C-alpha atoms as a PDB file:
ATOM      1  CA  UNK A   1      -0.197   1.652 -10.120  1.00  0.00           C
ATOM      2  CA  UNK A   2       0.897   0.347  -6.727  1.00  0.00           C
ATOM      3  CA  UNK A   3      -0.922   0.848  -3.417  1.00  0.00           C
ATOM      4  CA  UNK A   4       0.712   4.193  -2.635  1.00  0.00           C
ATOM      5  CA  UNK A   5       1.736   5.785  -5.942  1.00  0.00           C
ATOM      6  CA  UNK A   6       1.048   5.602  -9.619  1.00  0.00           C
ATOM      7  CA  UNK A   7       3.381   6.426 -12.476  1.00  0.00           C
ATOM      8  CA  UNK A   8       2.494   8.211 -15.704  1.00  0.00           C
ATOM      9  CA  UNK A   9       4.765   7.186 -18.567  1.00  0.00           C
ATOM     10  CA  UNK A  10       4.608   9.175 -21.848  1.00  0.00           C
ATOM     11  CA  UNK A  11       4.167   7.340 -25.134  1.00  0.00           C
ATOM     12  CA  UNK A  12       7.351   5.882 -26.568  1.00  0.00           C
ATOM     13  CA  UNK A  13       9.113   5.495 -23.200  1.00  0.00           C
ATOM     14  CA  UNK A  14      10.326   1.989 -22.356  1.00  0.00           C
ATOM     15  CA  UNK A  15       9.187   0.817 -18.933  1.00  0.00           C
ATOM     16  CA  UNK A  16       8.368  -2.241 -16.834  1.00  0.00           C
ATOM     17  CA  UNK A  17       4.892  -2.423 -15.326  1.00  0.00           C
ATOM     18  CA  UNK A  18       6.262  -4.464 -12.389  1.00  0.00           C
ATOM     19  CA  UNK A  19       8.733  -1.770 -11.354  1.00  0.00           C
ATOM     20  CA  UNK A  20       8.565  -1.177  -7.598  1.00  0.00           C
ATOM     21  CA  UNK A  21       5.450  -3.323  -7.299  1.00  0.00           C
ATOM     22  CA  UNK A  22       4.660  -6.814  -6.132  1.00  0.00           C
ATOM     23  CA  UNK A  23       3.629  -9.138  -8.974  1.00  0.00           C
ATOM     24  CA  UNK A  24      -0.117  -9.112  -9.683  1.00  0.00           C
ATOM     25  CA  UNK A  25      -0.676  -6.315  -7.156  1.00  0.00           C
ATOM     26  CA  UNK A  26      -0.958  -3.403  -9.536  1.00  0.00           C
ATOM     27  CA  UNK A  27      -2.840  -2.167 -12.592  1.00  0.00           C
ATOM     28  CA  UNK A  28      -1.466  -0.772 -15.829  1.00  0.00           C
ATOM     29  CA  UNK A  29      -3.684   1.525 -17.933  1.00  0.00           C
ATOM     30  CA  UNK A  30      -2.725   2.080 -21.559  1.00  0.00           C
ATOM     31  CA  UNK A  31      -4.327   5.183 -23.079  1.00  0.00           C
ATOM     32  CA  UNK A  32      -4.235   6.101 -26.786  1.00  0.00           C
ATOM     33  CA  UNK A  33      -3.821   9.622 -28.126  1.00  0.00           C
ATOM     34  CA  UNK A  34      -7.298   9.313 -29.625  1.00  0.00           C
ATOM     35  CA  UNK A  35      -8.795   8.581 -26.210  1.00  0.00           C
ATOM     36  CA  UNK A  36      -7.069  11.640 -24.757  1.00  0.00           C
ATOM     37  CA  UNK A  37      -8.355  13.803 -27.611  1.00  0.00           C
ATOM     38  CA  UNK A  38     -11.906  12.641 -26.909  1.00  0.00           C
ATOM     39  CA  UNK A  39     -11.515  13.508 -23.238  1.00  0.00           C
ATOM     40  CA  UNK A  40     -10.082  16.878 -24.223  1.00  0.00           C
ATOM     41  CA  UNK A  41     -13.239  17.624 -26.202  1.00  0.00           C
ATOM     42  CA  UNK A  42     -15.792  16.101 -23.844  1.00  0.00           C
ATOM     43  CA  UNK A  43     -14.459  17.036 -20.412  1.00  0.00           C
ATOM     44  CA  UNK A  44     -12.105  19.969 -20.768  1.00  0.00           C
ATOM     45  CA  UNK A  45      -8.577  20.916 -21.687  1.00  0.00           C
ATOM     46  CA  UNK A  46      -5.869  18.426 -20.781  1.00  0.00           C
ATOM     47  CA  UNK A  47      -3.091  20.906 -21.481  1.00  0.00           C
ATOM     48  CA  UNK A  48      -1.987  20.979 -17.849  1.00  0.00           C
ATOM     49  CA  UNK A  49      -1.968  17.162 -17.736  1.00  0.00           C
ATOM     50  CA  UNK A  50       0.132  17.020 -20.893  1.00  0.00           C
ATOM     51  CA  UNK A  51       2.516  19.669 -19.558  1.00  0.00           C
ATOM     52  CA  UNK A  52       3.076  17.762 -16.325  1.00  0.00           C
ATOM     53  CA  UNK A  53       3.561  14.387 -18.018  1.00  0.00           C
ATOM     54  CA  UNK A  54       6.043  15.245 -20.750  1.00  0.00           C
ATOM     55  CA  UNK A  55       8.459  13.199 -18.652  1.00  0.00           C
ATOM     56  CA  UNK A  56       7.656  10.162 -16.470  1.00  0.00           C
ATOM     57  CA  UNK A  57       6.172  11.248 -13.130  1.00  0.00           C
ATOM     58  CA  UNK A  58       5.082   9.617  -9.877  1.00  0.00           C
ATOM     59  CA  UNK A  59       1.927  10.756  -8.079  1.00  0.00           C
ATOM     60  CA  UNK A  60       0.615   9.871  -4.608  1.00  0.00           C
ATOM     61  CA  UNK A  61      -2.583   7.811  -4.613  1.00  0.00           C
ATOM     62  CA  UNK A  62      -5.785   9.403  -3.357  1.00  0.00           C
ATOM     63  CA  UNK A  63      -8.433   7.434  -1.455  1.00  0.00           C
ATOM     64  CA  UNK A  64     -10.727   7.536  -4.495  1.00  0.00           C
ATOM     65  CA  UNK A  65      -8.066   6.103  -6.809  1.00  0.00           C
ATOM     66  CA  UNK A  66      -7.150   3.402  -4.319  1.00  0.00           C
ATOM     67  CA  UNK A  67     -10.824   2.378  -4.025  1.00  0.00           C
ATOM     68  CA  UNK A  68     -11.260   2.198  -7.800  1.00  0.00           C
ATOM     69  CA  UNK A  69      -8.025   0.235  -8.110  1.00  0.00           C
ATOM     70  CA  UNK A  70      -9.241  -2.239  -5.495  1.00  0.00           C
ATOM     71  CA  UNK A  71     -12.563  -2.678  -7.312  1.00  0.00           C
ATOM     72  CA  UNK A  72     -10.741  -3.233 -10.594  1.00  0.00           C
ATOM     73  CA  UNK A  73      -8.463  -5.881  -9.091  1.00  0.00           C
ATOM     74  CA  UNK A  74     -11.407  -7.732  -7.559  1.00  0.00           C
ATOM     75  CA  UNK A  75     -13.573  -7.565 -10.672  1.00  0.00           C
ATOM     76  CA  UNK A  76     -12.573 -10.960 -12.057  1.00  0.00           C
ATOM     77  CA  UNK A  77     -14.440 -13.991 -13.320  1.00  0.00           C
ATOM     78  CA  UNK A  78     -17.608 -14.404 -15.335  1.00  0.00           C
ATOM     79  CA  UNK A  79     -20.644 -12.281 -14.666  1.00  0.00           C
ATOM     80  CA  UNK A  80     -23.413 -10.317 -16.270  1.00  0.00           C
ATOM     81  CA  UNK A  81     -22.155  -7.114 -17.879  1.00  0.00           C
ATOM     82  CA  UNK A  82     -18.549  -7.868 -16.946  1.00  0.00           C
ATOM     83  CA  UNK A  83     -17.065  -6.150 -19.998  1.00  0.00           C
ATOM     84  CA  UNK A  84     -19.187  -3.024 -19.468  1.00  0.00           C
ATOM     85  CA  UNK A  85     -18.284  -2.939 -15.770  1.00  0.00           C
ATOM     86  CA  UNK A  86     -14.580  -3.180 -16.541  1.00  0.00           C
ATOM     87  CA  UNK A  87     -14.895  -0.396 -19.102  1.00  0.00           C
ATOM     88  CA  UNK A  88     -16.689   1.841 -16.609  1.00  0.00           C
ATOM     89  CA  UNK A  89     -14.109   1.160 -13.893  1.00  0.00           C
ATOM     90  CA  UNK A  90     -11.232   1.807 -16.301  1.00  0.00           C
ATOM     91  CA  UNK A  91     -12.771   5.111 -17.411  1.00  0.00           C
ATOM     92  CA  UNK A  92     -13.398   6.219 -13.828  1.00  0.00           C
ATOM     93  CA  UNK A  93      -9.878   5.223 -12.814  1.00  0.00           C
ATOM     94  CA  UNK A  94      -8.374   7.116 -15.751  1.00  0.00           C
ATOM     95  CA  UNK A  95     -10.347  10.269 -14.958  1.00  0.00           C
ATOM     96  CA  UNK A  96      -9.346  10.161 -11.290  1.00  0.00           C
ATOM     97  CA  UNK A  97      -5.680   9.712 -12.202  1.00  0.00           C
ATOM     98  CA  UNK A  98      -5.761  12.615 -14.659  1.00  0.00           C
ATOM     99  CA  UNK A  99      -7.424  14.810 -12.050  1.00  0.00           C
ATOM    100  CA  UNK A 100      -4.833  13.864  -9.456  1.00  0.00           C
ATOM    101  CA  UNK A 101      -1.983  14.712 -11.823  1.00  0.00           C
ATOM    102  CA  UNK A 102      -3.531  18.106 -12.605  1.00  0.00           C
ATOM    103  CA  UNK A 103      -4.405  19.013  -9.021  1.00  0.00           C
ATOM    104  CA  UNK A 104      -1.736  17.207  -7.012  1.00  0.00           C
ATOM    105  CA  UNK A 105       2.024  17.236  -6.700  1.00  0.00           C
ATOM    106  CA  UNK A 106       4.212  15.110  -8.937  1.00  0.00           C
ATOM    107  CA  UNK A 107       7.767  13.842  -8.686  1.00  0.00           C
ATOM    108  CA  UNK A 108      10.104  12.553 -11.346  1.00  0.00           C
ATOM    109  CA  UNK A 109       9.628   8.832 -11.963  1.00  0.00           C
ATOM    110  CA  UNK A 110      13.227   8.704 -13.129  1.00  0.00           C
ATOM    111  CA  UNK A 111      14.458   9.257  -9.572  1.00  0.00           C
ATOM    112  CA  UNK A 112      15.870   6.115  -7.924  1.00  0.00           C
ATOM    113  CA  UNK A 113      14.827   7.596  -4.576  1.00  0.00           C
ATOM    114  CA  UNK A 114      11.193   7.814  -5.630  1.00  0.00           C
ATOM    115  CA  UNK A 115      11.247   4.251  -6.935  1.00  0.00           C
ATOM    116  CA  UNK A 116      12.714   3.191  -3.603  1.00  0.00           C
ATOM    117  CA  UNK A 117       9.969   4.996  -1.685  1.00  0.00           C
ATOM    118  CA  UNK A 118       7.287   3.321  -3.808  1.00  0.00           C
ATOM    119  CA  UNK A 119       8.820  -0.097  -3.221  1.00  0.00           C
ATOM    120  CA  UNK A 120       9.095   0.446   0.531  1.00  0.00           C
ATOM    121  CA  UNK A 121       5.462   1.621   0.666  1.00  0.00           C
ATOM    122  CA  UNK A 122       4.401  -1.610  -1.050  1.00  0.00           C
ATOM    123  CA  UNK A 123       6.560  -3.607   1.357  1.00  0.00           C
ATOM    124  CA  UNK A 124       4.996  -1.866   4.355  1.00  0.00           C
ATOM    125  CA  UNK A 125       1.486  -2.602   3.079  1.00  0.00           C
ATOM    126  CA  UNK A 126       2.296  -6.258   2.437  1.00  0.00           C
ATOM    127  CA  UNK A 127       4.001  -6.814   5.797  1.00  0.00           C
ATOM    128  CA  UNK A 128       1.198  -5.053   7.673  1.00  0.00           C
ATOM    129  CA  UNK A 129      -1.465  -7.127   5.907  1.00  0.00           C
ATOM    130  CA  UNK A 130       0.400 -10.352   6.765  1.00  0.00           C
ATOM    131  CA  UNK A 131       1.841  -9.338  10.133  1.00  0.00           C
ATOM    132  CA  UNK A 132       0.415 -12.432  11.851  1.00  0.00           C
ATOM    133  CA  UNK A 133       2.448 -14.761   9.631  1.00  0.00           C
ATOM    134  CA  UNK A 134       6.108 -15.591   9.403  1.00  0.00           C
ATOM    135  CA  UNK A 135       7.426 -13.907   6.244  1.00  0.00           C
ATOM    136  CA  UNK A 136      10.828 -15.307   5.240  1.00  0.00           C
ATOM    137  CA  UNK A 137      13.149 -12.716   3.751  1.00  0.00           C
ATOM    138  CA  UNK A 138      13.679 -14.990   0.750  1.00  0.00           C
ATOM    139  CA  UNK A 139       9.930 -14.988   0.092  1.00  0.00           C
ATOM    140  CA  UNK A 140       9.803 -11.189   0.232  1.00  0.00           C
ATOM    141  CA  UNK A 141      12.795 -10.890  -2.082  1.00  0.00           C
ATOM    142  CA  UNK A 142      11.200 -13.285  -4.570  1.00  0.00           C
ATOM    143  CA  UNK A 143       7.800 -11.591  -4.431  1.00  0.00           C
ATOM    144  CA  UNK A 144       9.204  -8.111  -4.988  1.00  0.00           C
ATOM    145  CA  UNK A 145      11.931  -9.308  -7.371  1.00  0.00           C
ATOM    146  CA  UNK A 146      14.802  -7.708  -5.524  1.00  0.00           C
ATOM    147  CA  UNK A 147      17.817  -9.179  -3.739  1.00  0.00           C
ATOM    148  CA  UNK A 148      17.776  -9.898   0.008  1.00  0.00           C
ATOM    149  CA  UNK A 149      20.632  -7.474   0.567  1.00  0.00           C
ATOM    150  CA  UNK A 150      19.005  -4.630  -1.363  1.00  0.00           C
ATOM    151  CA  UNK A 151      15.553  -5.118   0.145  1.00  0.00           C
ATOM    152  CA  UNK A 152      16.886  -5.006   3.720  1.00  0.00           C
ATOM    153  CA  UNK A 153      19.105  -1.987   3.089  1.00  0.00           C
ATOM    154  CA  UNK A 154      16.384  -0.078   1.231  1.00  0.00           C
ATOM    155  CA  UNK A 155      13.781  -0.756   3.919  1.00  0.00           C
ATOM    156  CA  UNK A 156      16.042   0.382   6.750  1.00  0.00           C
ATOM    157  CA  UNK A 157      17.171   3.479   4.849  1.00  0.00           C
ATOM    158  CA  UNK A 158      13.565   4.620   4.309  1.00  0.00           C
ATOM    159  CA  UNK A 159      11.971   3.577   7.616  1.00  0.00           C
ATOM    160  CA  UNK A 160      14.822   3.464  10.122  1.00  0.00           C
ATOM    161  CA  UNK A 161      13.673  -0.063  11.051  1.00  0.00           C
ATOM    162  CA  UNK A 162      14.555  -3.572  10.029  1.00  0.00           C
ATOM    163  CA  UNK A 163      11.822  -5.573   8.302  1.00  0.00           C
ATOM    164  CA  UNK A 164      11.543  -7.797  11.380  1.00  0.00           C
ATOM    165  CA  UNK A 165      11.157  -4.819  13.727  1.00  0.00           C
ATOM    166  CA  UNK A 166       8.511  -3.247  11.467  1.00  0.00           C
ATOM    167  CA  UNK A 167       6.541  -6.495  11.574  1.00  0.00           C
ATOM    168  CA  UNK A 168       6.855  -6.667  15.360  1.00  0.00           C
ATOM    169  CA  UNK A 169       5.446  -3.141  15.639  1.00  0.00           C
ATOM    170  CA  UNK A 170       2.574  -4.032  13.307  1.00  0.00           C
ATOM    171  CA  UNK A 171       1.807  -7.018  15.539  1.00  0.00           C
ATOM    172  CA  UNK A 172       2.013  -4.767  18.590  1.00  0.00           C
ATOM    173  CA  UNK A 173      -0.545  -2.335  17.117  1.00  0.00           C
ATOM    174  CA  UNK A 174      -2.890  -5.184  16.238  1.00  0.00           C
ATOM    175  CA  UNK A 175      -2.532  -6.645  19.720  1.00  0.00           C
ATOM    176  CA  UNK A 176      -3.293  -3.299  21.364  1.00  0.00           C
ATOM    177  CA  UNK A 177      -6.462  -2.994  19.303  1.00  0.00           C
ATOM    178  CA  UNK A 178      -7.667  -6.488  20.249  1.00  0.00           C
ATOM    179  CA  UNK A 179      -6.815  -6.008  23.910  1.00  0.00           C
ATOM    180  CA  UNK A 180      -8.831  -2.791  24.075  1.00  0.00           C
ATOM    181  CA  UNK A 181     -11.740  -3.786  21.841  1.00  0.00           C
ATOM    182  CA  UNK A 182     -12.271  -7.435  22.888  1.00  0.00           C
ATOM    183  CA  UNK A 183     -12.307  -9.645  25.980  1.00  0.00           C
ATOM    184  CA  UNK A 184     -10.153 -12.324  24.349  1.00  0.00           C
ATOM    185  CA  UNK A 185      -7.633 -14.011  26.663  1.00  0.00           C
ATOM    186  CA  UNK A 186      -4.133 -12.587  26.325  1.00  0.00           C
ATOM    187  CA  UNK A 187      -2.821 -15.867  24.959  1.00  0.00           C
ATOM    188  CA  UNK A 188      -5.485 -15.860  22.241  1.00  0.00           C
ATOM    189  CA  UNK A 189      -4.644 -12.257  21.334  1.00  0.00           C
ATOM    190  CA  UNK A 190      -0.991 -13.229  21.058  1.00  0.00           C
ATOM    191  CA  UNK A 191      -1.835 -16.140  18.764  1.00  0.00           C
ATOM    192  CA  UNK A 192      -4.077 -14.050  16.512  1.00  0.00           C
ATOM    193  CA  UNK A 193      -1.537 -11.307  15.892  1.00  0.00           C
ATOM    194  CA  UNK A 194       1.419 -13.627  15.342  1.00  0.00           C
ATOM    195  CA  UNK A 195       3.197 -14.039  18.687  1.00  0.00           C
ATOM    196  CA  UNK A 196       3.995 -17.544  19.873  1.00  0.00           C
ATOM    197  CA  UNK A 197       2.725 -17.037  23.418  1.00  0.00           C
ATOM    198  CA  UNK A 198       1.270 -14.551  25.853  1.00  0.00           C
ATOM    199  CA  UNK A 199       4.743 -14.161  27.342  1.00  0.00           C
ATOM    200  CA  UNK A 200       6.195 -13.236  23.940  1.00  0.00           C
ATOM    201  CA  UNK A 201       3.426 -10.666  23.465  1.00  0.00           C
ATOM    202  CA  UNK A 202       4.027  -9.195  26.915  1.00  0.00           C
ATOM    203  CA  UNK A 203       7.769  -8.929  26.242  1.00  0.00           C
ATOM    204  CA  UNK A 204       7.166  -7.112  22.933  1.00  0.00           C
ATOM    205  CA  UNK A 205       4.629  -4.746  24.492  1.00  0.00           C
ATOM    206  CA  UNK A 206       6.988  -3.798  27.298  1.00  0.00           C
ATOM    207  CA  UNK A 207       9.811  -3.217  24.831  1.00  0.00           C
ATOM    208  CA  UNK A 208       7.789  -1.197  22.307  1.00  0.00           C
ATOM    209  CA  UNK A 209       5.074   0.477  24.364  1.00  0.00           C
ATOM    210  CA  UNK A 210       6.517   0.332  27.884  1.00  0.00           C
ATOM    211  CA  UNK A 211       3.381  -1.418  29.206  1.00  0.00           C
ATOM    212  CA  UNK A 212       2.038  -4.918  29.644  1.00  0.00           C
ATOM    213  CA  UNK A 213      -1.153  -6.352  28.128  1.00  0.00           C
ATOM    214  CA  UNK A 214      -2.794  -6.218  31.559  1.00  0.00           C
ATOM    215  CA  UNK A 215      -1.738  -2.594  32.080  1.00  0.00           C
ATOM    216  CA  UNK A 216      -3.200  -1.590  28.701  1.00  0.00           C
ATOM    217  CA  UNK A 217      -6.521  -3.252  29.434  1.00  0.00           C
ATOM    218  CA  UNK A 218      -6.716  -1.708  32.884  1.00  0.00           C
ATOM    219  CA  UNK A 219      -5.945   1.743  31.470  1.00  0.00           C
ATOM    220  CA  UNK A 220      -8.551   1.377  28.735  1.00  0.00           C
ATOM    221  CA  UNK A 221     -11.148   0.169  31.244  1.00  0.00           C
ATOM    222  CA  UNK A 222     -10.397   3.099  33.544  1.00  0.00           C
ATOM    223  CA  UNK A 223     -10.816   5.582  30.712  1.00  0.00           C
ATOM    224  CA  UNK A 224     -14.178   4.057  29.728  1.00  0.00           C
ATOM    225  CA  UNK A 225     -15.413   4.175  33.350  1.00  0.00           C
ATOM    226  CA  UNK A 226     -14.442   7.823  33.640  1.00  0.00           C
ATOM    227  CA  UNK A 227     -16.407   8.667  30.484  1.00  0.00           C
END
């Protein structure tokens, strides 16, 4: 399971749990035939699930699955009832995944294109979450276990942008939010979102959004006054 998709791999199929995912950023659930039989009896027929997963498939993550995944990843360390909590989260996560497979749309997990989309989605999430930092291409390649050349080509093919341009646009969006929602000085906004100076922020905003930080604030203030 990555942040955007999860794969269902039938029993007996060789696979790597780190495929298309950053290390330590995903969860792997291993389910026995006996566990599936118990669910079949207790919850309802899993025939449709079995039919759809005779071959490896990829499924888009729902909000519910992403929330359960996040809880599972954070549920570390000692604590009262830790084992029971993990069991409950695993069961809930399994049920949500099965439901999503039955109700949602699936794509072949054997498709290189789908693996590429999953990897790019993980890259986008990581870059967006760390947009205020400098992210060397070598560090990205090492984290996602893919060559510099392949990671840059794959990202541009799927997004139409270079990794650097995607990060600049993420910084731009963050800056726009801070400029509208806070009274922070422009230089401080620039620093917080990852630009070296207010001038660098202004240059990026004019290039991407065709407006300056001052123009955006004035426009937002005008709209609020009109309301």
